[in-house]
């Protein structure tokens, strides 16, 4: 029972599978944040932020991908906000 409590209490103790999943999430956040600067800001931005935060919480070894992925996700939402204000609330015009 103490071994389980120690493992849950210590964030540095992560299984290899969780770490691989977290590494994949870090890369995915970066790869979703990049095209989000140009298209689908509203969808790709929050996805990039969520994946990056989850990867960082799980202890990814690819912090160099998770942190820019999170920054790109925030930039996606910032661009969306600026474009919405610049176009007076109209995002797309057909």
N, C-alpha and C. Protein backbone atom coordinates (compact mmCIF):
# COMPACT_ATOMS: atom_id res chain seq x y z
N UNK A 1 0.82 -1.19 0.00
CA UNK A 1 0.00 0.00 0.00
C UNK A 1 0.87 1.26 0.00
N UNK A 2 1.95 1.28 0.76
CA UNK A 2 2.84 2.44 0.78
C UNK A 2 3.51 2.67 -0.56
N UNK A 3 3.82 1.60 -1.27
CA UNK A 3 4.45 1.74 -2.58
C UNK A 3 3.51 2.45 -3.55
N UNK A 4 2.24 2.15 -3.47
CA UNK A 4 1.26 2.78 -4.35
C UNK A 4 1.12 4.27 -3.99
N UNK A 5 1.03 4.57 -2.71
CA UNK A 5 0.91 5.95 -2.27
C UNK A 5 2.14 6.76 -2.63
N UNK A 6 3.32 6.18 -2.51
CA UNK A 6 4.55 6.86 -2.86
C UNK A 6 4.59 7.14 -4.35
N UNK A 7 4.15 6.17 -5.15
CA UNK A 7 4.17 6.34 -6.59
C UNK A 7 3.19 7.42 -7.02
N UNK A 8 2.03 7.49 -6.39
CA UNK A 8 1.05 8.51 -6.75
C UNK A 8 1.48 9.89 -6.27
N UNK A 9 2.17 9.96 -5.17
CA UNK A 9 2.56 11.24 -4.60
C UNK A 9 3.74 11.84 -5.33
N UNK A 10 4.59 11.05 -5.93
CA UNK A 10 5.80 11.54 -6.57
C UNK A 10 5.57 11.77 -8.06
N UNK A 11 5.62 13.04 -8.52
CA UNK A 11 5.41 13.30 -9.94
C UNK A 11 6.58 12.85 -10.80
N UNK A 12 7.75 12.63 -10.20
CA UNK A 12 8.92 12.22 -10.97
C UNK A 12 8.83 10.75 -11.37
N UNK A 13 7.98 9.97 -10.74
CA UNK A 13 7.84 8.56 -11.04
C UNK A 13 6.75 8.36 -12.09
N UNK A 14 7.17 8.11 -13.31
CA UNK A 14 6.23 7.87 -14.39
C UNK A 14 6.65 6.60 -15.12
N UNK A 15 5.68 5.86 -15.56
CA UNK A 15 6.02 4.64 -16.29
C UNK A 15 6.53 5.01 -17.68
N UNK A 16 7.19 4.05 -18.30
CA UNK A 16 7.74 4.28 -19.63
C UNK A 16 6.64 4.54 -20.64
N UNK A 17 5.54 3.84 -20.49
CA UNK A 17 4.40 4.02 -21.40
C UNK A 17 3.82 5.43 -21.30
N UNK A 18 3.65 5.93 -20.08
CA UNK A 18 3.14 7.28 -19.88
C UNK A 18 4.09 8.31 -20.47
N UNK A 19 5.38 8.08 -20.32
CA UNK A 19 6.37 9.02 -20.82
C UNK A 19 6.35 9.05 -22.35
N UNK A 20 6.19 7.88 -22.98
CA UNK A 20 6.10 7.84 -24.44
C UNK A 20 4.84 8.53 -24.92
N UNK A 21 3.73 8.31 -24.21
CA UNK A 21 2.49 9.00 -24.55
C UNK A 21 2.65 10.50 -24.41
N UNK A 22 3.32 10.93 -23.35
CA UNK A 22 3.52 12.36 -23.11
C UNK A 22 4.43 12.95 -24.18
N UNK A 23 5.43 12.20 -24.61
CA UNK A 23 6.31 12.69 -25.68
C UNK A 23 5.53 12.85 -26.97
N UNK A 24 4.65 11.92 -27.26
CA UNK A 24 3.81 12.02 -28.46
C UNK A 24 2.86 13.20 -28.38
N UNK A 25 2.32 13.46 -27.18
CA UNK A 25 1.44 14.60 -27.01
C UNK A 25 2.19 15.91 -27.20
N UNK A 26 3.43 15.96 -26.75
CA UNK A 26 4.23 17.17 -26.90
C UNK A 26 4.47 17.48 -28.37
N UNK A 27 4.82 16.47 -29.13
CA UNK A 27 5.05 16.65 -30.57
C UNK A 27 3.75 17.01 -31.27
N UNK A 28 2.66 16.36 -30.89
CA UNK A 28 1.36 16.64 -31.51
C UNK A 28 0.92 18.08 -31.22
N UNK A 29 1.19 18.58 -30.03
CA UNK A 29 0.80 19.96 -29.72
C UNK A 29 1.55 20.94 -30.60
N UNK A 30 2.82 20.67 -30.84
CA UNK A 30 3.62 21.53 -31.71
C UNK A 30 3.10 21.46 -33.15
N UNK A 31 2.82 20.25 -33.61
CA UNK A 31 2.36 20.07 -34.98
C UNK A 31 0.95 20.60 -35.21
N UNK A 32 0.12 20.66 -34.19
CA UNK A 32 -1.21 21.25 -34.32
C UNK A 32 -1.17 22.77 -34.19
N UNK A 33 -0.23 23.27 -33.42
CA UNK A 33 -0.12 24.71 -33.24
C UNK A 33 0.37 25.44 -34.48
N UNK A 34 1.25 24.80 -35.25
CA UNK A 34 1.79 25.45 -36.45
C UNK A 34 0.74 25.76 -37.50
N UNK A 35 -0.02 24.78 -37.98
CA UNK A 35 -1.03 25.14 -39.00
C UNK A 35 -2.17 25.97 -38.41
N UNK A 36 -2.32 25.93 -37.10
CA UNK A 36 -3.36 26.72 -36.46
C UNK A 36 -3.12 28.22 -36.60
N UNK A 37 -1.89 28.61 -36.92
CA UNK A 37 -1.62 30.02 -37.14
C UNK A 37 -2.31 30.52 -38.41
N UNK A 38 -2.57 29.61 -39.33
CA UNK A 38 -3.16 29.99 -40.61
C UNK A 38 -4.62 29.59 -40.76
N UNK A 39 -4.97 28.39 -40.32
CA UNK A 39 -6.32 27.88 -40.52
C UNK A 39 -6.84 27.25 -39.24
N UNK A 40 -8.14 27.25 -39.07
CA UNK A 40 -8.83 26.59 -37.96
C UNK A 40 -8.26 26.96 -36.59
N UNK A 41 -8.06 28.27 -36.39
CA UNK A 41 -7.50 28.73 -35.12
C UNK A 41 -8.33 28.29 -33.93
N UNK A 42 -9.63 28.34 -34.10
CA UNK A 42 -10.54 28.05 -32.98
C UNK A 42 -10.48 26.59 -32.55
N UNK A 43 -10.12 25.70 -33.45
CA UNK A 43 -10.06 24.27 -33.14
C UNK A 43 -8.64 23.85 -32.75
N UNK A 44 -7.67 24.23 -33.57
CA UNK A 44 -6.30 23.75 -33.36
C UNK A 44 -5.61 24.43 -32.18
N UNK A 45 -5.95 25.67 -31.89
CA UNK A 45 -5.32 26.37 -30.77
C UNK A 45 -5.59 25.70 -29.42
N UNK A 46 -6.87 25.51 -29.06
CA UNK A 46 -7.14 24.84 -27.79
C UNK A 46 -6.62 23.40 -27.73
N UNK A 47 -6.64 22.71 -28.87
CA UNK A 47 -6.10 21.33 -28.89
C UNK A 47 -4.61 21.35 -28.59
N UNK A 48 -3.88 22.29 -29.18
CA UNK A 48 -2.44 22.39 -28.93
C UNK A 48 -2.16 22.72 -27.47
N UNK A 49 -2.94 23.62 -26.92
CA UNK A 49 -2.75 24.00 -25.51
C UNK A 49 -3.03 22.82 -24.59
N UNK A 50 -4.13 22.13 -24.83
CA UNK A 50 -4.50 20.99 -23.98
C UNK A 50 -3.46 19.87 -24.05
N UNK A 51 -3.01 19.55 -25.26
CA UNK A 51 -2.01 18.49 -25.40
C UNK A 51 -0.68 18.88 -24.75
N UNK A 52 -0.28 20.13 -24.91
CA UNK A 52 0.98 20.57 -24.31
C UNK A 52 0.92 20.54 -22.79
N UNK A 53 -0.18 21.02 -22.23
CA UNK A 53 -0.31 21.02 -20.77
C UNK A 53 -0.37 19.60 -20.21
N UNK A 54 -1.05 18.71 -20.92
CA UNK A 54 -1.12 17.32 -20.49
C UNK A 54 0.25 16.66 -20.56
N UNK A 55 0.97 16.93 -21.64
CA UNK A 55 2.32 16.36 -21.79
C UNK A 55 3.25 16.86 -20.70
N UNK A 56 3.17 18.13 -20.39
CA UNK A 56 4.03 18.67 -19.33
C UNK A 56 3.65 18.10 -17.97
N UNK A 57 2.37 17.89 -17.74
CA UNK A 57 1.92 17.32 -16.47
C UNK A 57 2.36 15.87 -16.32
N UNK A 58 2.44 15.15 -17.43
CA UNK A 58 2.85 13.75 -17.37
C UNK A 58 4.35 13.58 -17.38
N UNK A 59 5.09 14.66 -17.47
CA UNK A 59 6.55 14.58 -17.38
C UNK A 59 7.23 14.21 -18.67
N UNK A 60 6.89 14.89 -19.74
CA UNK A 60 7.50 14.59 -21.02
C UNK A 60 8.99 14.94 -21.02
N UNK A 61 9.73 14.23 -21.82
CA UNK A 61 11.14 14.54 -21.99
C UNK A 61 11.33 15.51 -23.15
N UNK A 62 10.27 15.81 -23.85
CA UNK A 62 10.31 16.73 -24.99
C UNK A 62 9.69 18.07 -24.61
N UNK A 63 10.24 18.67 -23.58
CA UNK A 63 9.74 19.98 -23.16
C UNK A 63 9.97 21.02 -24.25
N UNK A 64 10.99 20.79 -25.07
CA UNK A 64 11.30 21.69 -26.18
C UNK A 64 10.25 21.67 -27.27
N UNK A 65 9.36 20.70 -27.26
CA UNK A 65 8.24 20.67 -28.20
C UNK A 65 6.95 21.07 -27.50
N UNK A 66 6.81 20.74 -26.24
CA UNK A 66 5.57 21.05 -25.52
C UNK A 66 5.43 22.55 -25.25
N UNK A 67 6.51 23.19 -24.84
CA UNK A 67 6.42 24.62 -24.53
C UNK A 67 6.13 25.47 -25.77
N UNK A 68 6.83 25.25 -26.90
CA UNK A 68 6.44 25.99 -28.11
C UNK A 68 5.05 25.60 -28.61
N UNK A 69 4.64 24.36 -28.39
CA UNK A 69 3.30 23.94 -28.79
C UNK A 69 2.24 24.72 -28.02
N UNK A 70 2.49 24.90 -26.73
CA UNK A 70 1.56 25.68 -25.91
C UNK A 70 1.57 27.15 -26.34
N UNK A 71 2.76 27.68 -26.63
CA UNK A 71 2.86 29.07 -27.08
C UNK A 71 2.17 29.27 -28.42
N UNK A 72 2.31 28.31 -29.32
CA UNK A 72 1.64 28.39 -30.62
C UNK A 72 0.12 28.32 -30.45
N UNK A 73 -0.35 27.51 -29.53
CA UNK A 73 -1.78 27.42 -29.27
C UNK A 73 -2.33 28.75 -28.76
N UNK A 74 -1.59 29.39 -27.89
CA UNK A 74 -2.01 30.70 -27.39
C UNK A 74 -1.95 31.73 -28.52
N UNK A 75 -0.91 31.64 -29.37
CA UNK A 75 -0.80 32.56 -30.51
C UNK A 75 -1.96 32.34 -31.49
N UNK A 76 -2.38 31.09 -31.66
CA UNK A 76 -3.54 30.80 -32.52
C UNK A 76 -4.77 31.56 -32.04
N UNK A 77 -5.01 31.48 -30.75
CA UNK A 77 -6.18 32.17 -30.19
C UNK A 77 -6.01 33.68 -30.24
N UNK A 78 -4.78 34.16 -30.08
CA UNK A 78 -4.51 35.59 -30.18
C UNK A 78 -4.77 36.11 -31.60
N UNK A 79 -4.34 35.35 -32.58
CA UNK A 79 -4.58 35.73 -33.97
C UNK A 79 -6.07 35.73 -34.26
N UNK A 80 -6.76 34.73 -33.75
CA UNK A 80 -8.22 34.68 -33.93
C UNK A 80 -8.88 35.92 -33.34
N UNK A 81 -8.45 36.32 -32.16
CA UNK A 81 -9.02 37.50 -31.51
C UNK A 81 -8.73 38.77 -32.32
N UNK A 82 -7.50 38.92 -32.76
CA UNK A 82 -7.12 40.10 -33.54
C UNK A 82 -7.90 40.16 -34.85
N UNK A 83 -8.02 39.04 -35.53
CA UNK A 83 -8.74 39.02 -36.80
C UNK A 83 -10.23 39.28 -36.60
N UNK A 84 -10.77 38.79 -35.51
CA UNK A 84 -12.19 39.04 -35.21
C UNK A 84 -12.43 40.52 -34.96
N UNK A 85 -11.54 41.15 -34.21
CA UNK A 85 -11.68 42.58 -33.92
C UNK A 85 -11.47 43.39 -35.19
N UNK A 86 -10.47 43.03 -35.99
CA UNK A 86 -10.17 43.77 -37.21
C UNK A 86 -11.31 43.69 -38.23
N UNK A 87 -12.01 42.57 -38.26
CA UNK A 87 -13.10 42.38 -39.21
C UNK A 87 -14.46 42.69 -38.60
N UNK A 88 -14.48 43.33 -37.45
CA UNK A 88 -15.70 43.73 -36.75
C UNK A 88 -16.62 42.55 -36.46
N UNK A 89 -16.04 41.44 -36.03
CA UNK A 89 -16.82 40.30 -35.60
C UNK A 89 -17.08 39.27 -36.67
N UNK A 90 -16.70 39.52 -37.90
CA UNK A 90 -16.92 38.56 -38.98
C UNK A 90 -15.61 37.83 -39.25
N UNK A 91 -15.61 36.52 -39.00
CA UNK A 91 -14.39 35.77 -39.21
C UNK A 91 -14.20 35.39 -40.68
N UNK A 92 -15.24 34.91 -41.31
CA UNK A 92 -15.16 34.46 -42.69
C UNK A 92 -16.26 35.14 -43.51
N UNK A 93 -15.91 35.50 -44.71
CA UNK A 93 -16.86 36.14 -45.58
C UNK A 93 -17.00 35.30 -46.84
N UNK A 94 -18.22 34.91 -47.19
CA UNK A 94 -18.43 34.07 -48.36
C UNK A 94 -18.83 34.88 -49.55
